Amino acid sequence: MKPLSTLPFLSVLLWAGCATTADDSPIIGISFETLQTEYWVSSLDALRAACDDRGFGYVEAVANGDANRQFEQVNNFIARGVDGIVIAPKDGNTVIPIIKAANRAGVPIVIYNRLPASNSGKYVTVVADNFEITRQTVRHLCELARATGTPRRAMILIGDLGDVNAVRRREGFNAAIADYPELIELVAEVPTEWNQEKALAGVTNALQAHPDINFIFSSSDFLFPSVVSALRNKDRYHPVGHPRHILLAGFDGDATAYQMLVDGYLDADGVQDVFYECEQAVDAIARRLAGESVPELLIDPGLVIHQENLSEKAGRMWGAVVAGAEQQAQGKTGE
């Protein structure tokens, strides 16, 4: 089933008639705060596929970073009679009035990839276990360091600390290295606010101040282009097995990280299972519409993909799927 309205890069939602389908199947309103990263685009695609699998219709709106506009767009969903809402909000606070509006209208709402602030109302949240996925990813990096017998001086790229996901990833990193006090010394915390320019400047400055940094974790794969650029400028970007290789890991599971794993430059990546999360989000709406109770919190345990299990686990890495689709498209273009 096709969406009734698909305007992923516009902030204004246009409607194709009422929010109904020809066979009266449920209609889901899908609201995204942004589509500026590959993760969000892949999530939207996966939500569409999950709706298609159930025969649900869907309408979409993207707020382009404007929380007030997102609130208005969701109110439009409600006014047009959607049966459920899946929303990826800017943060855990701006979503509160949206949850309350859905509650007043009796429309089931699922929060995607963000934990709302406490006492927000009635909702279901589907979110990755940011703390544990990060902890396991960084532990893998620490074990690689232990195997070499070489103490490591570490850097972490921190996301926007107004985002609970960034906070939990930082906590997971700290918990992991705390188990290796004689091996891992944290010498640089680079604030990025999920911004490439800030990331590039921060990593460059950290490498200047601490040229012996040899252990790096990025709180999002989205920031890898900045990390790689800074490392290349210092002649520090080398594959696994090279004597100057820096142990490197990230979080998300995007196509860039997948290619870096394939090429041998990335040691490990904490992967959010986008397909699982989106299936759970739509399933939660279906169960609520059927009158079933649904837990308030649905956790994606994710997985850690690294050089040793890449061939086995790549099929569960959403970035590998994206990379495969891109390669297929390029092949058709070249025919």
C-alpha atoms as a PDB file:
ATOM      1  CA  MET A   1       0.000   0.000   0.000  1.00  0.00           C
ATOM      2  CA  LYS A   2       1.291   3.427  -0.913  1.00  0.00           C
ATOM      3  CA  PRO A   3       1.299   6.381   1.479  1.00  0.00           C
ATOM      4  CA  LEU A   4      -1.525   8.856   1.141  1.00  0.00           C
ATOM      5  CA  SER A   5       0.994  11.678   1.323  1.00  0.00           C
ATOM      6  CA  THR A   6       4.776  11.472   1.046  1.00  0.00           C
ATOM      7  CA  LEU A   7       6.628  14.767   1.553  1.00  0.00           C
ATOM      8  CA  PRO A   8       9.816  13.798   3.396  1.00  0.00           C
ATOM      9  CA  PHE A   9      11.738  17.038   2.855  1.00  0.00           C
ATOM     10  CA  LEU A  10       8.910  19.533   3.277  1.00  0.00           C
ATOM     11  CA  SER A  11       7.808  21.076   6.530  1.00  0.00           C
ATOM     12  CA  VAL A  12       4.206  21.518   5.374  1.00  0.00           C
ATOM     13  CA  LEU A  13       1.943  18.498   5.309  1.00  0.00           C
ATOM     14  CA  LEU A  14      -0.364  18.164   2.313  1.00  0.00           C
ATOM     15  CA  TRP A  15      -3.307  15.787   2.515  1.00  0.00           C
ATOM     16  CA  ALA A  16      -4.690  13.560  -0.200  1.00  0.00           C
ATOM     17  CA  GLY A  17      -8.292  13.622   0.998  1.00  0.00           C
ATOM     18  CA  CYS A  18      -9.391  12.246   4.357  1.00  0.00           C
ATOM     19  CA  ALA A  19      -7.262   9.913   6.435  1.00  0.00           C
ATOM     20  CA  THR A  20      -9.020   6.768   5.277  1.00  0.00           C
ATOM     21  CA  THR A  21      -8.281   3.987   2.856  1.00  0.00           C
ATOM     22  CA  ALA A  22     -10.613   2.399   0.360  1.00  0.00           C
ATOM     23  CA  ASP A  23     -10.987  -0.721   2.520  1.00  0.00           C
ATOM     24  CA  ASP A  24     -11.137   1.167   5.851  1.00  0.00           C
ATOM     25  CA  SER A  25      -7.762  -0.206   6.954  1.00  0.00           C
ATOM     26  CA  PRO A  26      -6.175   1.708   9.836  1.00  0.00           C
ATOM     27  CA  ILE A  27      -4.237   4.847   8.977  1.00  0.00           C
ATOM     28  CA  ILE A  28      -1.019   5.635  10.837  1.00  0.00           C
ATOM     29  CA  GLY A  29       0.320   9.170  11.087  1.00  0.00           C
ATOM     30  CA  ILE A  30       4.120   9.094  10.872  1.00  0.00           C
ATOM     31  CA  SER A  31       5.817  12.231  12.199  1.00  0.00           C
ATOM     32  CA  PHE A  32       9.573  12.841  12.022  1.00  0.00           C
ATOM     33  CA  GLU A  33      11.352  15.848  13.464  1.00  0.00           C
ATOM     34  CA  THR A  34      14.095  15.559  10.830  1.00  0.00           C
ATOM     35  CA  LEU A  35      15.380  13.428   7.964  1.00  0.00           C
ATOM     36  CA  GLN A  36      18.869  14.886   7.991  1.00  0.00           C
ATOM     37  CA  THR A  37      20.720  11.638   8.609  1.00  0.00           C
ATOM     38  CA  GLU A  38      20.737   8.252   6.937  1.00  0.00           C
ATOM     39  CA  TYR A  39      19.389   6.718  10.144  1.00  0.00           C
ATOM     40  CA  TRP A  40      16.165   8.717  10.032  1.00  0.00           C
ATOM     41  CA  VAL A  41      15.649   8.096   6.310  1.00  0.00           C
ATOM     42  CA  SER A  42      16.128   4.350   6.818  1.00  0.00           C
ATOM     43  CA  SER A  43      13.753   4.434   9.788  1.00  0.00           C
ATOM     44  CA  LEU A  44      11.043   6.105   7.726  1.00  0.00           C
ATOM     45  CA  ASP A  45      11.495   3.515   4.973  1.00  0.00           C
ATOM     46  CA  ALA A  46      11.248   0.712   7.546  1.00  0.00           C
ATOM     47  CA  LEU A  47       8.077   2.173   9.057  1.00  0.00           C
ATOM     48  CA  ARG A  48       6.503   2.370   5.607  1.00  0.00           C
ATOM     49  CA  ALA A  49       7.420  -1.275   5.003  1.00  0.00           C
ATOM     50  CA  ALA A  50       5.992  -2.310   8.386  1.00  0.00           C
ATOM     51  CA  CYS A  51       2.720  -0.554   7.546  1.00  0.00           C
ATOM     52  CA  ASP A  52       2.651  -2.159   4.102  1.00  0.00           C
ATOM     53  CA  ASP A  53       3.165  -5.606   5.641  1.00  0.00           C
ATOM     54  CA  ARG A  54       0.024  -5.133   7.756  1.00  0.00           C
ATOM     55  CA  GLY A  55      -2.027  -3.462   5.061  1.00  0.00           C
ATOM     56  CA  PHE A  56      -2.113  -0.190   6.991  1.00  0.00           C
ATOM     57  CA  GLY A  57      -2.296   3.154   5.246  1.00  0.00           C
ATOM     58  CA  TYR A  58      -0.085   5.990   6.386  1.00  0.00           C
ATOM     59  CA  VAL A  59       0.416   9.725   6.121  1.00  0.00           C
ATOM     60  CA  GLU A  60       3.698  11.495   6.775  1.00  0.00           C
ATOM     61  CA  ALA A  61       5.018  14.830   7.958  1.00  0.00           C
ATOM     62  CA  VAL A  62       8.552  16.082   8.623  1.00  0.00           C
ATOM     63  CA  ALA A  63       9.073  19.194  10.751  1.00  0.00           C
ATOM     64  CA  ASN A  64      12.635  20.046   9.669  1.00  0.00           C
ATOM     65  CA  GLY A  65      13.814  20.687  13.229  1.00  0.00           C
ATOM     66  CA  ASP A  66      10.853  22.829  14.303  1.00  0.00           C
ATOM     67  CA  ALA A  67       9.172  21.360  17.412  1.00  0.00           C
ATOM     68  CA  ASN A  68       6.220  23.754  17.167  1.00  0.00           C
ATOM     69  CA  ARG A  69       5.612  22.767  13.561  1.00  0.00           C
ATOM     70  CA  GLN A  70       5.728  19.102  14.539  1.00  0.00           C
ATOM     71  CA  PHE A  71       3.070  19.740  17.188  1.00  0.00           C
ATOM     72  CA  GLU A  72       0.865  21.403  14.561  1.00  0.00           C
ATOM     73  CA  GLN A  73       1.409  18.573  12.114  1.00  0.00           C
ATOM     74  CA  VAL A  74       0.402  15.940  14.655  1.00  0.00           C
ATOM     75  CA  ASN A  75      -2.690  17.979  15.543  1.00  0.00           C
ATOM     76  CA  ASN A  76      -3.517  17.865  11.832  1.00  0.00           C
ATOM     77  CA  PHE A  77      -3.135  14.080  11.921  1.00  0.00           C
ATOM     78  CA  ILE A  78      -5.600  13.922  14.793  1.00  0.00           C
ATOM     79  CA  ALA A  79      -8.060  16.301  13.152  1.00  0.00           C
ATOM     80  CA  ARG A  80      -8.086  14.179   9.996  1.00  0.00           C
ATOM     81  CA  GLY A  81      -8.865  11.036  11.962  1.00  0.00           C
ATOM     82  CA  VAL A  82      -5.733   8.874  11.972  1.00  0.00           C
ATOM     83  CA  ASP A  83      -6.012   5.641  13.976  1.00  0.00           C
ATOM     84  CA  GLY A  84      -2.531   5.825  15.484  1.00  0.00           C
ATOM     85  CA  ILE A  85       0.608   7.945  15.551  1.00  0.00           C
ATOM     86  CA  VAL A  86       4.299   7.039  15.388  1.00  0.00           C
ATOM     87  CA  ILE A  87       6.514  10.016  16.173  1.00  0.00           C
ATOM     88  CA  ALA A  88      10.267  10.577  16.209  1.00  0.00           C
ATOM     89  CA  PRO A  89      10.443  13.816  18.234  1.00  0.00           C
ATOM     90  CA  LYS A  90      13.211  16.331  18.726  1.00  0.00           C
ATOM     91  CA  ASP A  91      13.647  15.387  22.382  1.00  0.00           C
ATOM     92  CA  GLY A  92      11.879  14.024  25.435  1.00  0.00           C
ATOM     93  CA  ASN A  93      10.366  17.349  26.449  1.00  0.00           C
ATOM     94  CA  THR A  94       8.949  18.764  23.219  1.00  0.00           C
ATOM     95  CA  VAL A  95       6.973  15.543  22.713  1.00  0.00           C
ATOM     96  CA  ILE A  96       4.997  15.977  25.963  1.00  0.00           C
ATOM     97  CA  PRO A  97       2.232  18.245  24.559  1.00  0.00           C
ATOM     98  CA  ILE A  98       1.991  15.957  21.539  1.00  0.00           C
ATOM     99  CA  ILE A  99       1.434  12.921  23.750  1.00  0.00           C
ATOM    100  CA  LYS A 100      -1.197  14.783  25.739  1.00  0.00           C
ATOM    101  CA  ALA A 101      -3.001  15.864  22.560  1.00  0.00           C
ATOM    102  CA  ALA A 102      -3.089  12.256  21.337  1.00  0.00           C
ATOM    103  CA  ASN A 103      -4.318  11.082  24.738  1.00  0.00           C
ATOM    104  CA  ARG A 104      -7.149  13.626  24.725  1.00  0.00           C
ATOM    105  CA  ALA A 105      -8.200  12.426  21.291  1.00  0.00           C
ATOM    106  CA  GLY A 106      -7.930   8.756  22.263  1.00  0.00           C
ATOM    107  CA  VAL A 107      -5.369   8.070  19.532  1.00  0.00           C
ATOM    108  CA  PRO A 108      -2.652   5.498  20.370  1.00  0.00           C
ATOM    109  CA  ILE A 109       0.815   7.050  20.113  1.00  0.00           C
ATOM    110  CA  VAL A 110       4.233   5.403  19.857  1.00  0.00           C
ATOM    111  CA  ILE A 111       7.402   7.390  20.483  1.00  0.00           C
ATOM    112  CA  TYR A 112      10.201   6.218  18.203  1.00  0.00           C
ATOM    113  CA  ASN A 113      13.839   6.301  19.321  1.00  0.00           C
ATOM    114  CA  ARG A 114      13.393   8.863  22.124  1.00  0.00           C
ATOM    115  CA  LEU A 115      12.418   8.407  25.761  1.00  0.00           C
ATOM    116  CA  PRO A 116       9.847  11.051  26.759  1.00  0.00           C
ATOM    117  CA  ALA A 117      10.276  12.981  29.985  1.00  0.00           C
ATOM    118  CA  SER A 118       8.550  11.430  32.990  1.00  0.00           C
ATOM    119  CA  ASN A 119       4.821  11.884  33.641  1.00  0.00           C
ATOM    120  CA  SER A 120       4.154  12.639  29.986  1.00  0.00           C
ATOM    121  CA  GLY A 121       0.903  10.693  29.672  1.00  0.00           C
ATOM    122  CA  LYS A 122      -0.039   7.393  28.045  1.00  0.00           C
ATOM    123  CA  TYR A 123       2.221   6.177  25.274  1.00  0.00           C
ATOM    124  CA  VAL A 124       4.522   3.382  24.115  1.00  0.00           C
ATOM    125  CA  THR A 125       8.206   4.031  23.492  1.00  0.00           C
ATOM    126  CA  VAL A 126      10.382   1.924  21.192  1.00  0.00           C
ATOM    127  CA  VAL A 127      14.037   2.690  21.804  1.00  0.00           C
ATOM    128  CA  ALA A 128      17.447   1.082  21.509  1.00  0.00           C
ATOM    129  CA  ASP A 129      19.298   0.160  24.690  1.00  0.00           C
ATOM    130  CA  ASN A 130      21.787   2.966  24.118  1.00  0.00           C
ATOM    131  CA  PHE A 131      23.662   2.314  27.359  1.00  0.00           C
ATOM    132  CA  GLU A 132      24.158  -1.425  26.950  1.00  0.00           C
ATOM    133  CA  ILE A 133      24.859  -1.412  23.213  1.00  0.00           C
ATOM    134  CA  THR A 134      27.536   1.229  23.794  1.00  0.00           C
ATOM    135  CA  ARG A 135      28.964  -0.591  26.793  1.00  0.00           C
ATOM    136  CA  GLN A 136      29.292  -3.836  24.858  1.00  0.00           C
ATOM    137  CA  THR A 137      30.778  -2.083  21.836  1.00  0.00           C
ATOM    138  CA  VAL A 138      33.406  -0.256  23.898  1.00  0.00           C
ATOM    139  CA  ARG A 139      34.152  -3.417  25.904  1.00  0.00           C
ATOM    140  CA  HIS A 140      34.977  -5.132  22.614  1.00  0.00           C
ATOM    141  CA  LEU A 141      37.388  -2.304  21.822  1.00  0.00           C
ATOM    142  CA  CYS A 142      38.910  -2.606  25.294  1.00  0.00           C
ATOM    143  CA  GLU A 143      39.425  -6.332  24.834  1.00  0.00           C
ATOM    144  CA  LEU A 144      41.214  -5.650  21.557  1.00  0.00           C
ATOM    145  CA  ALA A 145      43.460  -3.240  23.441  1.00  0.00           C
ATOM    146  CA  ARG A 146      44.093  -5.862  26.122  1.00  0.00           C
ATOM    147  CA  ALA A 147      45.069  -8.390  23.458  1.00  0.00           C
ATOM    148  CA  THR A 148      47.776  -6.034  22.213  1.00  0.00           C
ATOM    149  CA  GLY A 149      49.060  -5.397  25.729  1.00  0.00           C
ATOM    150  CA  THR A 150      49.336  -1.691  24.891  1.00  0.00           C
ATOM    151  CA  PRO A 151      47.761   0.950  27.186  1.00  0.00           C
ATOM    152  CA  ARG A 152      45.408   3.227  25.310  1.00  0.00           C
ATOM    153  CA  ARG A 153      44.665   6.945  25.473  1.00  0.00           C
ATOM    154  CA  ALA A 154      41.057   7.429  24.559  1.00  0.00           C
ATOM    155  CA  MET A 155      38.766   9.995  22.936  1.00  0.00           C
ATOM    156  CA  ILE A 156      34.973  10.007  22.865  1.00  0.00           C
ATOM    157  CA  LEU A 157      32.819  12.117  20.579  1.00  0.00           C
ATOM    158  CA  ILE A 158      29.764  13.139  22.601  1.00  0.00           C
ATOM    159  CA  GLY A 159      26.400  13.966  21.043  1.00  0.00           C
ATOM    160  CA  ASP A 160      23.937  16.646  22.050  1.00  0.00           C
ATOM    161  CA  LEU A 161      23.536  16.170  25.805  1.00  0.00           C
ATOM    162  CA  GLY A 162      20.002  17.526  25.538  1.00  0.00           C
ATOM    163  CA  ASP A 163      19.298  14.204  23.812  1.00  0.00           C
ATOM    164  CA  VAL A 164      18.850  11.351  26.291  1.00  0.00           C
ATOM    165  CA  ASN A 165      20.289   8.919  23.723  1.00  0.00           C
ATOM    166  CA  ALA A 166      23.566  10.869  23.715  1.00  0.00           C
ATOM    167  CA  VAL A 167      23.607  10.867  27.505  1.00  0.00           C
ATOM    168  CA  ARG A 168      23.092   7.106  27.731  1.00  0.00           C
ATOM    169  CA  ARG A 169      25.797   6.440  25.153  1.00  0.00           C
ATOM    170  CA  ARG A 170      28.245   8.541  27.124  1.00  0.00           C
ATOM    171  CA  GLU A 171      27.313   6.643  30.284  1.00  0.00           C
ATOM    172  CA  GLY A 172      27.791   3.325  28.483  1.00  0.00           C
ATOM    173  CA  PHE A 173      31.233   4.396  27.307  1.00  0.00           C
ATOM    174  CA  ASN A 174      32.287   5.453  30.799  1.00  0.00           C
ATOM    175  CA  ALA A 175      30.962   2.227  32.323  1.00  0.00           C
ATOM    176  CA  ALA A 176      32.960   0.149  29.839  1.00  0.00           C
ATOM    177  CA  ILE A 177      36.322   1.852  30.295  1.00  0.00           C
ATOM    178  CA  ALA A 178      35.858   1.877  34.081  1.00  0.00           C
ATOM    179  CA  ASP A 179      36.467  -1.869  33.994  1.00  0.00           C
ATOM    180  CA  TYR A 180      39.903  -1.297  32.433  1.00  0.00           C
ATOM    181  CA  PRO A 181      41.482   1.427  34.602  1.00  0.00           C
ATOM    182  CA  GLU A 182      45.060   0.279  34.035  1.00  0.00           C
ATOM    183  CA  LEU A 183      44.575  -0.011  30.289  1.00  0.00           C
ATOM    184  CA  ILE A 184      42.318   2.850  29.112  1.00  0.00           C
ATOM    185  CA  GLU A 185      42.876   6.510  30.003  1.00  0.00           C
ATOM    186  CA  LEU A 186      40.265   8.992  28.793  1.00  0.00           C
ATOM    187  CA  VAL A 187      42.124  12.121  27.645  1.00  0.00           C
ATOM    188  CA  ALA A 188      39.589  13.844  25.353  1.00  0.00           C
ATOM    189  CA  GLU A 189      35.832  14.352  25.388  1.00  0.00           C
ATOM    190  CA  VAL A 190      34.748  16.098  22.203  1.00  0.00           C
ATOM    191  CA  PRO A 191      31.333  17.822  22.336  1.00  0.00           C
ATOM    192  CA  THR A 192      29.675  17.737  18.919  1.00  0.00           C
ATOM    193  CA  GLU A 193      25.974  18.560  19.428  1.00  0.00           C
ATOM    194  CA  TRP A 194      25.531  16.182  16.452  1.00  0.00           C
ATOM    195  CA  ASN A 195      27.274  18.760  14.236  1.00  0.00           C
ATOM    196  CA  GLN A 196      29.945  17.774  11.684  1.00  0.00           C
ATOM    197  CA  GLU A 197      31.878  21.054  11.834  1.00  0.00           C
ATOM    198  CA  LYS A 198      32.083  20.950  15.623  1.00  0.00           C
ATOM    199  CA  ALA A 199      33.118  17.319  15.468  1.00  0.00           C
ATOM    200  CA  LEU A 200      35.885  17.989  12.943  1.00  0.00           C
ATOM    201  CA  ALA A 201      37.240  20.943  14.924  1.00  0.00           C
ATOM    202  CA  GLY A 202      37.031  19.035  18.190  1.00  0.00           C
ATOM    203  CA  VAL A 203      38.767  15.904  16.925  1.00  0.00           C
ATOM    204  CA  THR A 204      41.455  17.985  15.216  1.00  0.00           C
ATOM    205  CA  ASN A 205      42.140  19.913  18.420  1.00  0.00           C
ATOM    206  CA  ALA A 206      42.165  16.745  20.511  1.00  0.00           C
ATOM    207  CA  LEU A 207      44.683  15.080  18.211  1.00  0.00           C
ATOM    208  CA  GLN A 208      46.834  18.201  18.369  1.00  0.00           C
ATOM    209  CA  ALA A 209      46.735  18.268  22.166  1.00  0.00           C
ATOM    210  CA  HIS A 210      47.116  14.499  22.538  1.00  0.00           C
ATOM    211  CA  PRO A 211      48.963  13.133  19.491  1.00  0.00           C
ATOM    212  CA  ASP A 212      49.208   9.726  21.186  1.00  0.00           C
ATOM    213  CA  ILE A 213      45.421   9.132  21.157  1.00  0.00           C
ATOM    214  CA  ASN A 214      44.946   5.567  19.929  1.00  0.00           C
ATOM    215  CA  PHE A 215      41.383   4.641  20.991  1.00  0.00           C
ATOM    216  CA  ILE A 216      38.307   6.509  19.652  1.00  0.00           C
ATOM    217  CA  PHE A 217      34.575   6.030  20.116  1.00  0.00           C
ATOM    218  CA  SER A 218      32.029   8.104  18.202  1.00  0.00           C
ATOM    219  CA  SER A 219      28.536   8.351  19.706  1.00  0.00           C
ATOM    220  CA  SER A 220      27.132   8.304  16.170  1.00  0.00           C
ATOM    221  CA  ASP A 221      28.354   6.849  12.894  1.00  0.00           C
ATOM    222  CA  PHE A 222      26.992  10.051  11.369  1.00  0.00           C
ATOM    223  CA  LEU A 223      30.149  11.777  12.650  1.00  0.00           C
ATOM    224  CA  PHE A 224      32.634   9.370  11.055  1.00  0.00           C
ATOM    225  CA  PRO A 225      33.364  11.614   8.040  1.00  0.00           C
ATOM    226  CA  SER A 226      34.696  14.254  10.453  1.00  0.00           C
ATOM    227  CA  VAL A 227      36.699  11.683  12.405  1.00  0.00           C
ATOM    228  CA  VAL A 228      38.223  10.200   9.263  1.00  0.00           C
ATOM    229  CA  SER A 229      39.079  13.627   7.854  1.00  0.00           C
ATOM    230  CA  ALA A 230      40.860  14.668  11.047  1.00  0.00           C
ATOM    231  CA  LEU A 231      42.760  11.375  11.229  1.00  0.00           C
ATOM    232  CA  ARG A 232      43.818  11.545   7.589  1.00  0.00           C
ATOM    233  CA  ASN A 233      45.163  15.060   8.110  1.00  0.00           C
ATOM    234  CA  LYS A 234      47.433  13.677  10.845  1.00  0.00           C
ATOM    235  CA  ASP A 235      48.329  10.508   8.894  1.00  0.00           C
ATOM    236  CA  ARG A 236      46.579   8.486  11.613  1.00  0.00           C
ATOM    237  CA  TYR A 237      43.949   6.671   9.548  1.00  0.00           C
ATOM    238  CA  HIS A 238      45.205   3.123   8.949  1.00  0.00           C
ATOM    239  CA  PRO A 239      43.526  -0.282   8.674  1.00  0.00           C
ATOM    240  CA  VAL A 240      43.456  -3.051  11.255  1.00  0.00           C
ATOM    241  CA  GLY A 241      46.865  -4.699  11.430  1.00  0.00           C
ATOM    242  CA  HIS A 242      48.807  -1.557  10.581  1.00  0.00           C
ATOM    243  CA  PRO A 243      51.242  -0.616  13.362  1.00  0.00           C
ATOM    244  CA  ARG A 244      49.659   2.858  13.643  1.00  0.00           C
ATOM    245  CA  HIS A 245      46.053   1.698  13.536  1.00  0.00           C
ATOM    246  CA  ILE A 246      43.824   3.512  16.038  1.00  0.00           C
ATOM    247  CA  LEU A 247      41.193   1.346  17.692  1.00  0.00           C
ATOM    248  CA  LEU A 248      37.938   2.795  16.412  1.00  0.00           C
ATOM    249  CA  ALA A 249      34.262   2.141  17.119  1.00  0.00           C
ATOM    250  CA  GLY A 250      30.920   3.888  16.701  1.00  0.00           C
ATOM    251  CA  PHE A 251      27.193   3.627  17.248  1.00  0.00           C
ATOM    252  CA  ASP A 252      24.222   3.364  14.866  1.00  0.00           C
ATOM    253  CA  GLY A 253      24.996   0.913  12.078  1.00  0.00           C
ATOM    254  CA  ASP A 254      24.909   3.163   9.020  1.00  0.00           C
ATOM    255  CA  ALA A 255      26.278   2.515   5.531  1.00  0.00           C
ATOM    256  CA  THR A 256      29.479   4.465   6.200  1.00  0.00           C
ATOM    257  CA  ALA A 257      30.248   2.311   9.228  1.00  0.00           C
ATOM    258  CA  TYR A 258      29.480  -0.828   7.244  1.00  0.00           C
ATOM    259  CA  GLN A 259      31.903   0.163   4.495  1.00  0.00           C
ATOM    260  CA  MET A 260      34.564   1.046   7.066  1.00  0.00           C
ATOM    261  CA  LEU A 261      34.152  -2.435   8.562  1.00  0.00           C
ATOM    262  CA  VAL A 262      34.397  -4.042   5.126  1.00  0.00           C
ATOM    263  CA  ASP A 263      37.501  -1.994   4.290  1.00  0.00           C
ATOM    264  CA  GLY A 264      39.094  -2.899   7.614  1.00  0.00           C
ATOM    265  CA  TYR A 265      39.324   0.552   9.216  1.00  0.00           C
ATOM    266  CA  LEU A 266      36.564   0.194  11.819  1.00  0.00           C
ATOM    267  CA  ASP A 267      36.977  -2.300  14.626  1.00  0.00           C
ATOM    268  CA  ALA A 268      33.408  -2.420  15.937  1.00  0.00           C
ATOM    269  CA  ASP A 269      30.014  -0.782  15.676  1.00  0.00           C
ATOM    270  CA  GLY A 270      27.014  -0.785  18.008  1.00  0.00           C
ATOM    271  CA  VAL A 271      23.986  -1.348  15.783  1.00  0.00           C
ATOM    272  CA  GLN A 272      20.437  -0.219  16.362  1.00  0.00           C
ATOM    273  CA  ASP A 273      18.081  -2.802  14.853  1.00  0.00           C
ATOM    274  CA  VAL A 274      15.984  -0.385  12.801  1.00  0.00           C
ATOM    275  CA  PHE A 275      13.855  -3.142  11.276  1.00  0.00           C
ATOM    276  CA  TYR A 276      12.979  -4.586  14.684  1.00  0.00           C
ATOM    277  CA  GLU A 277      12.209  -1.165  16.158  1.00  0.00           C
ATOM    278  CA  CYS A 278       9.901  -0.165  13.314  1.00  0.00           C
ATOM    279  CA  GLU A 279       8.092  -3.497  13.318  1.00  0.00           C
ATOM    280  CA  GLN A 280       7.576  -3.128  17.069  1.00  0.00           C
ATOM    281  CA  ALA A 281       6.255   0.428  16.671  1.00  0.00           C
ATOM    282  CA  VAL A 282       3.581  -0.553  14.149  1.00  0.00           C
ATOM    283  CA  ASP A 283       2.786  -3.746  16.065  1.00  0.00           C
ATOM    284  CA  ALA A 284       2.210  -1.686  19.216  1.00  0.00           C
ATOM    285  CA  ILE A 285      -0.357   0.444  17.364  1.00  0.00           C
ATOM    286  CA  ALA A 286      -2.070  -2.676  15.996  1.00  0.00           C
ATOM    287  CA  ARG A 287      -2.260  -4.237  19.450  1.00  0.00           C
ATOM    288  CA  ARG A 288      -3.646  -1.062  20.996  1.00  0.00           C
ATOM    289  CA  LEU A 289      -6.304  -0.859  18.280  1.00  0.00           C
ATOM    290  CA  ALA A 290      -7.199  -4.469  19.072  1.00  0.00           C
ATOM    291  CA  GLY A 291      -7.713  -3.530  22.705  1.00  0.00           C
ATOM    292  CA  GLU A 292      -4.609  -5.283  23.961  1.00  0.00           C
ATOM    293  CA  SER A 293      -2.324  -3.895  26.638  1.00  0.00           C
ATOM    294  CA  VAL A 294       1.173  -2.978  25.490  1.00  0.00           C
ATOM    295  CA  PRO A 295       4.186  -2.302  27.752  1.00  0.00           C
ATOM    296  CA  GLU A 296       5.122   1.355  27.994  1.00  0.00           C
ATOM    297  CA  LEU A 297       8.716   0.596  27.037  1.00  0.00           C
ATOM    298  CA  LEU A 298       9.863  -1.713  24.235  1.00  0.00           C
ATOM    299  CA  ILE A 299      13.637  -2.135  24.182  1.00  0.00           C
ATOM    300  CA  ASP A 300      15.753  -2.939  21.151  1.00  0.00           C
ATOM    301  CA  PRO A 301      18.760  -4.874  22.495  1.00  0.00           C
ATOM    302  CA  GLY A 302      20.687  -4.148  19.305  1.00  0.00           C
ATOM    303  CA  LEU A 303      23.942  -5.900  18.534  1.00  0.00           C
ATOM    304  CA  VAL A 304      27.658  -5.328  18.181  1.00  0.00           C
ATOM    305  CA  ILE A 305      29.196  -5.980  14.775  1.00  0.00           C
ATOM    306  CA  HIS A 306      32.958  -6.254  14.495  1.00  0.00           C
ATOM    307  CA  GLN A 307      35.647  -7.651  12.251  1.00  0.00           C
ATOM    308  CA  GLU A 308      35.187 -11.203  13.520  1.00  0.00           C
ATOM    309  CA  ASN A 309      31.404 -11.487  13.044  1.00  0.00           C
ATOM    310  CA  LEU A 310      30.800  -9.129  10.124  1.00  0.00           C
ATOM    311  CA  SER A 311      29.997 -11.794   7.538  1.00  0.00           C
ATOM    312  CA  GLU A 312      27.603 -13.498   9.951  1.00  0.00           C
ATOM    313  CA  LYS A 313      25.780 -10.393  11.247  1.00  0.00           C
ATOM    314  CA  ALA A 314      25.802  -7.996   8.286  1.00  0.00           C
ATOM    315  CA  GLY A 315      22.256  -8.923   7.316  1.00  0.00           C
ATOM    316  CA  ARG A 316      21.008  -7.369  10.563  1.00  0.00           C
ATOM    317  CA  MET A 317      22.921  -4.121  10.012  1.00  0.00           C
ATOM    318  CA  TRP A 318      20.600  -1.607   8.391  1.00  0.00           C
ATOM    319  CA  GLY A 319      23.544   0.234   6.868  1.00  0.00           C
ATOM    320  CA  ALA A 320      24.586  -2.917   5.039  1.00  0.00           C
ATOM    321  CA  VAL A 321      21.099  -3.099   3.513  1.00  0.00           C
ATOM    322  CA  VAL A 322      21.344   0.572   2.475  1.00  0.00           C
ATOM    323  CA  ALA A 323      24.805   0.009   0.999  1.00  0.00           C
ATOM    324  CA  GLY A 324      23.557  -2.993  -0.942  1.00  0.00           C
ATOM    325  CA  ALA A 325      20.633  -1.026  -2.353  1.00  0.00           C
ATOM    326  CA  GLU A 326      22.934   1.812  -3.375  1.00  0.00           C
ATOM    327  CA  GLN A 327      25.323  -0.569  -5.116  1.00  0.00           C
ATOM    328  CA  GLN A 328      22.431  -2.219  -6.929  1.00  0.00           C
ATOM    329  CA  ALA A 329      21.148   1.178  -8.077  1.00  0.00           C
ATOM    330  CA  GLN A 330      24.598   2.172  -9.295  1.00  0.00           C
ATOM    331  CA  GLY A 331      24.885  -1.092 -11.179  1.00  0.00           C
ATOM    332  CA  LYS A 332      21.596  -0.487 -12.962  1.00  0.00           C
ATOM    333  CA  THR A 333      22.677   3.057 -13.802  1.00  0.00           C
ATOM    334  CA  GLY A 334      25.858   1.745 -15.328  1.00  0.00           C
ATOM    335  CA  GLU A 335      24.103  -0.783 -17.528  1.00  0.00           C
END
